[in-house]
Every structure is written in C-alpha cells, then in structure tokens.
Protein backbone atom coordinates (compact mmCIF):
# COMPACT_ATOMS: atom_id res chain seq x y z
CA MET A 1 0.00 0.00 0.00
CA MET A 2 1.32 3.47 -0.91
CA ASP A 3 0.58 6.87 0.66
CA GLY A 4 2.07 9.95 -0.96
CA GLY A 5 4.71 7.82 -2.63
CA TYR A 6 5.79 6.09 0.57
CA PRO A 7 4.87 2.57 1.65
CA VAL A 8 2.46 2.69 4.57
CA ALA A 9 4.63 0.08 6.33
CA ARG A 10 7.58 2.46 6.38
CA LYS A 11 5.42 5.42 7.34
CA LEU A 12 3.86 3.50 10.23
CA SER A 13 7.14 2.14 11.52
CA ILE A 14 8.21 5.49 12.95
CA GLY A 15 5.02 5.81 14.96
CA VAL A 16 5.10 2.20 16.04
CA ILE A 17 8.64 2.25 17.35
CA SER A 18 8.16 5.58 19.15
CA ALA A 19 4.67 4.91 20.49
CA VAL A 20 4.04 1.19 20.88
CA LEU A 21 6.45 0.63 23.76
CA ILE A 22 5.64 -0.39 27.03
CA PHE A 23 6.31 -1.70 30.42
CA ALA A 24 4.90 -3.85 33.17
CA SER A 25 5.70 -2.90 36.73
CA ALA A 26 4.36 -3.26 40.29
CA CYS A 27 3.62 -2.32 44.02
CA THR A 28 4.62 -3.29 47.56
CA SER A 29 4.14 -2.33 51.19
CA VAL A 30 7.88 -2.38 51.93
CA VAL A 31 9.15 1.06 52.95
CA GLU A 32 12.05 2.38 50.88
CA GLY A 33 15.33 0.94 52.12
CA GLU A 34 13.74 -0.93 55.01
CA PRO A 35 15.19 -4.41 55.73
CA ARG A 36 12.59 -7.12 55.22
CA SER A 37 11.45 -9.53 57.89
CA ASP A 38 13.47 -12.38 56.38
CA GLY A 39 16.69 -10.47 57.01
CA SER A 40 17.40 -9.72 53.36
CA ALA A 41 18.10 -6.24 52.06
CA GLY A 42 15.12 -3.99 51.51
CA LEU A 43 14.47 -1.71 48.59
CA PRO A 44 17.50 0.18 47.28
CA LYS A 45 17.96 3.69 48.62
CA GLY A 46 18.45 6.78 46.53
CA SER A 47 17.10 7.81 43.16
CA LEU A 48 16.05 5.30 40.56
CA GLU A 49 17.95 7.19 37.89
CA THR A 50 21.24 6.21 39.57
CA LEU A 51 20.20 2.55 39.47
CA LEU A 52 19.52 2.45 35.74
CA LEU A 53 21.98 1.03 33.24
CA PRO A 54 24.21 3.66 31.58
CA ARG A 55 24.51 4.18 27.84
CA GLU A 56 27.60 1.97 27.57
CA ASP A 57 25.61 -1.10 28.59
CA PHE A 58 23.45 -0.78 25.48
CA PRO A 59 24.51 -1.67 21.93
CA ASP A 60 27.28 0.35 20.29
CA GLY A 61 26.41 2.55 17.36
CA SER A 62 24.25 5.58 16.70
CA GLY A 63 21.19 4.49 18.67
CA SER A 64 19.58 7.09 20.95
CA TYR A 65 19.60 6.73 24.75
CA GLU A 66 17.41 8.56 27.24
CA VAL A 67 16.53 8.25 30.92
CA VAL A 68 12.94 9.18 31.79
CA GLU A 69 11.14 9.36 35.12
CA ARG A 70 7.90 8.11 33.64
CA PRO A 71 7.98 5.52 30.84
CA GLY A 72 5.84 6.43 27.83
CA ASP A 73 2.23 5.31 27.92
CA ASP A 74 1.09 6.59 24.52
CA GLY A 75 0.84 3.24 22.77
CA PRO A 76 -2.27 1.67 21.27
CA ARG A 77 -5.46 0.89 23.16
CA VAL A 78 -5.54 -2.78 24.00
CA LYS A 79 -8.47 -5.17 24.38
CA PRO A 80 -8.90 -7.08 26.63
CA VAL A 81 -7.70 -4.33 28.95
CA GLU A 82 -5.80 -6.74 31.20
CA CYS A 83 -3.55 -7.57 28.23
CA ASN A 84 -2.28 -3.99 28.23
CA ILE A 85 0.74 -4.92 30.35
CA PHE A 86 2.14 -6.96 27.46
CA VAL A 87 1.94 -4.05 25.01
CA ASN A 88 2.04 -0.78 26.98
CA HIS A 89 3.13 0.73 30.26
CA ASP A 90 0.62 0.27 33.09
CA THR A 91 0.26 3.06 35.66
CA VAL A 92 1.71 1.96 39.00
CA PRO A 93 1.41 3.46 42.51
CA PHE A 94 5.15 3.72 43.18
CA GLN A 95 8.33 5.25 41.79
CA GLN A 96 9.84 3.95 38.61
CA ALA A 97 12.22 5.15 35.93
CA ALA A 98 13.38 3.86 32.57
CA ALA A 99 16.42 3.83 30.34
CA GLN A 100 15.20 3.86 26.75
CA TYR A 101 17.32 2.92 23.74
CA GLU A 102 16.21 3.13 20.11
CA ASP A 103 17.96 2.29 16.87
CA GLY A 104 15.85 1.94 13.73
CA ALA A 105 13.51 -1.03 14.03
CA LEU A 106 14.79 -1.87 17.53
CA ARG A 107 13.66 -0.32 20.78
CA VAL A 108 14.70 -1.39 24.26
CA ASP A 109 13.27 -0.18 27.56
CA VAL A 110 14.86 -1.11 30.87
CA VAL A 111 12.60 -0.14 33.77
CA VAL A 112 13.21 -0.25 37.51
CA GLY A 113 10.29 0.26 39.88
CA LYS A 114 10.33 0.34 43.68
CA GLY A 115 7.59 -2.21 44.19
CA ILE A 116 5.80 -5.27 42.87
CA ALA A 117 2.21 -5.17 41.60
CA ASP A 118 1.83 -8.45 39.75
CA SER A 119 3.36 -11.69 40.95
CA PHE A 120 4.76 -14.11 38.40
CA GLN A 121 1.64 -16.23 38.88
CA THR A 122 -0.62 -13.25 38.16
CA ILE A 123 1.33 -12.37 35.01
CA GLU A 124 1.15 -15.98 33.84
CA GLU A 125 -2.61 -16.08 34.42
CA LYS A 126 -3.08 -12.86 32.47
CA ALA A 127 -0.95 -14.15 29.61
CA GLY A 128 -3.13 -17.23 29.46
CA ARG A 129 -6.16 -15.01 28.84
CA CYS A 130 -4.42 -12.96 26.13
CA GLY A 131 -4.31 -15.45 23.30
CA SER A 132 -6.24 -12.98 21.14
CA VAL A 133 -5.51 -9.26 21.52
CA LYS A 134 -6.86 -6.28 19.58
CA LEU A 135 -4.96 -3.00 19.14
CA ASP A 136 -6.08 0.48 18.10
CA LEU A 137 -3.55 3.28 17.61
CA ASP A 138 -5.47 6.37 16.50
CA GLY A 139 -7.52 4.38 14.02
CA ILE A 140 -4.67 2.12 12.95
CA GLU A 141 -5.81 -1.32 14.04
CA GLY A 142 -4.09 -4.60 14.63
CA THR A 143 -4.19 -7.94 16.37
CA GLY A 144 -1.76 -10.12 18.26
CA SER A 145 -1.29 -12.78 20.88
CA VAL A 146 0.74 -13.33 24.05
CA LYS A 147 2.57 -16.45 25.13
CA MET A 148 4.89 -17.47 27.93
CA GLU A 149 8.41 -18.67 27.25
CA LYS A 150 11.01 -20.21 29.54
CA VAL A 151 13.80 -17.97 30.80
CA THR A 152 17.23 -19.57 30.87
CA GLY A 153 20.39 -17.84 32.01
CA ALA A 154 18.84 -15.23 34.32
CA SER A 155 20.75 -14.56 37.55
CA VAL A 156 17.53 -14.65 39.62
CA ASP A 157 14.04 -16.03 39.06
CA ALA A 158 12.55 -14.29 36.05
CA MET A 159 9.54 -14.48 33.75
CA GLU A 160 9.32 -14.00 30.00
CA THR A 161 6.34 -13.08 27.85
CA VAL A 162 6.25 -12.51 24.11
CA PHE A 163 3.67 -10.46 22.21
CA THR A 164 3.53 -11.01 18.46
CA GLY A 165 1.21 -9.14 16.16
CA GLY A 166 0.99 -6.12 13.94
CA LEU A 167 -0.65 -2.81 13.07
CA GLY A 168 -2.05 -1.77 9.72
CA MET A 169 -4.70 0.07 7.74
CA ASP A 170 -7.75 -1.24 5.91
CA GLY A 171 -7.37 -4.62 7.55
CA GLU A 172 -3.78 -5.08 6.43
CA GLN A 173 -1.14 -5.67 9.11
CA THR A 174 1.63 -3.72 7.45
CA VAL A 175 3.90 -3.39 10.49
CA GLU A 176 4.76 -6.65 12.21
CA ILE A 177 5.77 -6.33 15.85
CA THR A 178 7.44 -8.59 18.38
CA ILE A 179 7.71 -7.48 22.00
CA LYS A 180 9.66 -9.62 24.44
CA THR A 181 9.36 -8.78 28.14
CA LEU A 182 11.65 -10.14 30.84
CA THR A 183 10.63 -9.45 34.45
CA ALA A 184 12.44 -10.05 37.74
CA HIS A 185 11.90 -8.92 41.33
CA PRO A 186 15.28 -8.44 43.05
CA ARG A 187 15.09 -6.80 46.50
CA GLY A 188 11.37 -6.14 46.19
CA THR A 189 11.75 -4.10 43.01
CA THR A 190 10.40 -4.76 39.55
CA VAL A 191 13.09 -4.93 36.89
CA THR A 192 11.62 -5.09 33.41
CA VAL A 193 13.44 -5.36 30.10
CA LYS A 194 11.28 -4.88 27.02
CA VAL A 195 12.67 -5.37 23.55
CA LEU A 196 10.49 -4.33 20.61
CA HIS A 197 11.42 -5.25 17.07
CA ALA A 198 9.28 -4.00 14.19
CA MET A 199 9.37 -4.46 10.43
CA GLU A 200 12.14 -7.06 10.52
CA PRO A 201 12.26 -10.70 11.70
CA TRP A 202 13.15 -11.35 15.33
CA THR A 203 16.69 -12.65 15.76
CA SER A 204 18.67 -14.56 18.38
CA ASP A 205 20.71 -11.39 18.91
CA ASN A 206 17.58 -9.77 20.32
CA ASP A 207 17.21 -12.65 22.78
CA LYS A 208 20.83 -12.29 23.87
CA LEU A 209 20.46 -8.54 24.28
CA ALA A 210 17.36 -8.86 26.45
CA LEU A 211 18.97 -11.41 28.77
CA SER A 212 22.24 -9.50 29.01
CA LEU A 213 20.49 -6.26 29.95
CA LEU A 214 18.29 -8.05 32.49
CA ASN A 215 21.27 -9.57 34.29
CA LYS A 216 23.21 -6.30 34.24
CA GLN A 217 20.26 -4.39 35.67
CA ILE A 218 19.63 -7.02 38.35
CA ASP A 219 23.30 -6.80 39.35
CA ARG A 220 23.09 -3.01 39.77
CA VAL A 221 19.98 -3.32 41.93
CA GLN A 222 21.49 -6.02 44.12
CA LYS A 223 24.70 -4.07 44.68
CA ALA A 224 22.99 -0.75 45.41
CA PRO A 225 22.99 0.64 48.99
C-alpha cells in the first residue's frame, strides 16, 4: 500500500517504534530501604535514575539513549484491557524510571520500579487469557497474541512473555511487531526489560540482548545501597 509515494509500512514504523512501547511494573508495602522480615536487604535507597543502566551497557552505534522518570504510555489501546501490560506501560502506585534505547527497528526499555504489583503467577494467568488481543492506535488497528516462554540464564528467578502481532490500515497488518518482556523482582523491586522489534524478523541477537540487559540491571539493583 502506498501513501504519498511512501509505503504505509515504512510510514507507520516510525510511529510504532516511538509509540508502541511499554512496560509492566508493580507495588509493595515495603518502605524504601527498610530491611525485610526475612533479614534480606530492603528496597535500594536513593534515586532510581542512579540505578539504571548507563549508555555503555546498550549496543554500540548511533542508537539514541534517554533516561525518563515516567515511561511512555502513549501506545495503542488494548483489548482485553488486562492484556495492556504486554503491550504498553501500566500506571503503577510507586516510583519507577526507565532507560530507553532506540535504533531503527529496535527499541529497548529497561525499567526499575520500587515495588511489585503483579506476581509471576498473576502475570502468567493474564498471559493465558491474552491469546487474542486487539490493538487500536489512533484508528490504525491490529491484532496479536501473548505467550509465555522459559527464561534460561537469568541470575535470579525471572519471567518472559512474548507479544507477536501487527498494526495496519484497511485490515492489512503492514507493520509486524514482536515485544519480548523479561521481568524479575530483586530486593522487592520490579526490573523489566522490554525489547520491541518492528518491520524485521526477530533474531537470536535480540534474545541475547534482552537477557544481558536483564542480568546487568539485576546486578546493579542487588549491589545498590
């Protein structure tokens, strides 16, 4: 499909990569920095921005890097609503911040939140009810599905979900999207790594990147005061 001489797929890709990203985070009753009853360290002290991975931990090259206090929530509307966490950022009742990296068809968001809203079991149950998902981004519609995948190589217990689908016009899914989300809960926080790849096939390099960033971010949280 063409629009003004440009393929709609290419035209949509800019909006998709900048708008269709996402996070799932959480909430807890643990007071900031307070040791927990089991004797383990409580939530990290200090600002979340200092906990986030620096630019050098992301891929080399010309990709953009930005730290934001509030991850973007301007992605598509999702139905069923509970499936939103696999496509967009859910509002959470605690502090969080994100390091966002973007390079062409690839976008990566690493989010740290001081709390836990959804347990692994809750996320798994939601994923089981999201086998068929509908998207609407300002009239650009799409469909997709969510599935669970096993996490291997994470330094702590972690969960992985994968959204696959697309957005298009006139019933055509012209922009294919894959969103992989890795989630862990070190020290009562929520560490989320989301990797979105649009337009191009998903590769094993994307899997390696997601796992590497997850382990690096977990390590920073565990070593923080």
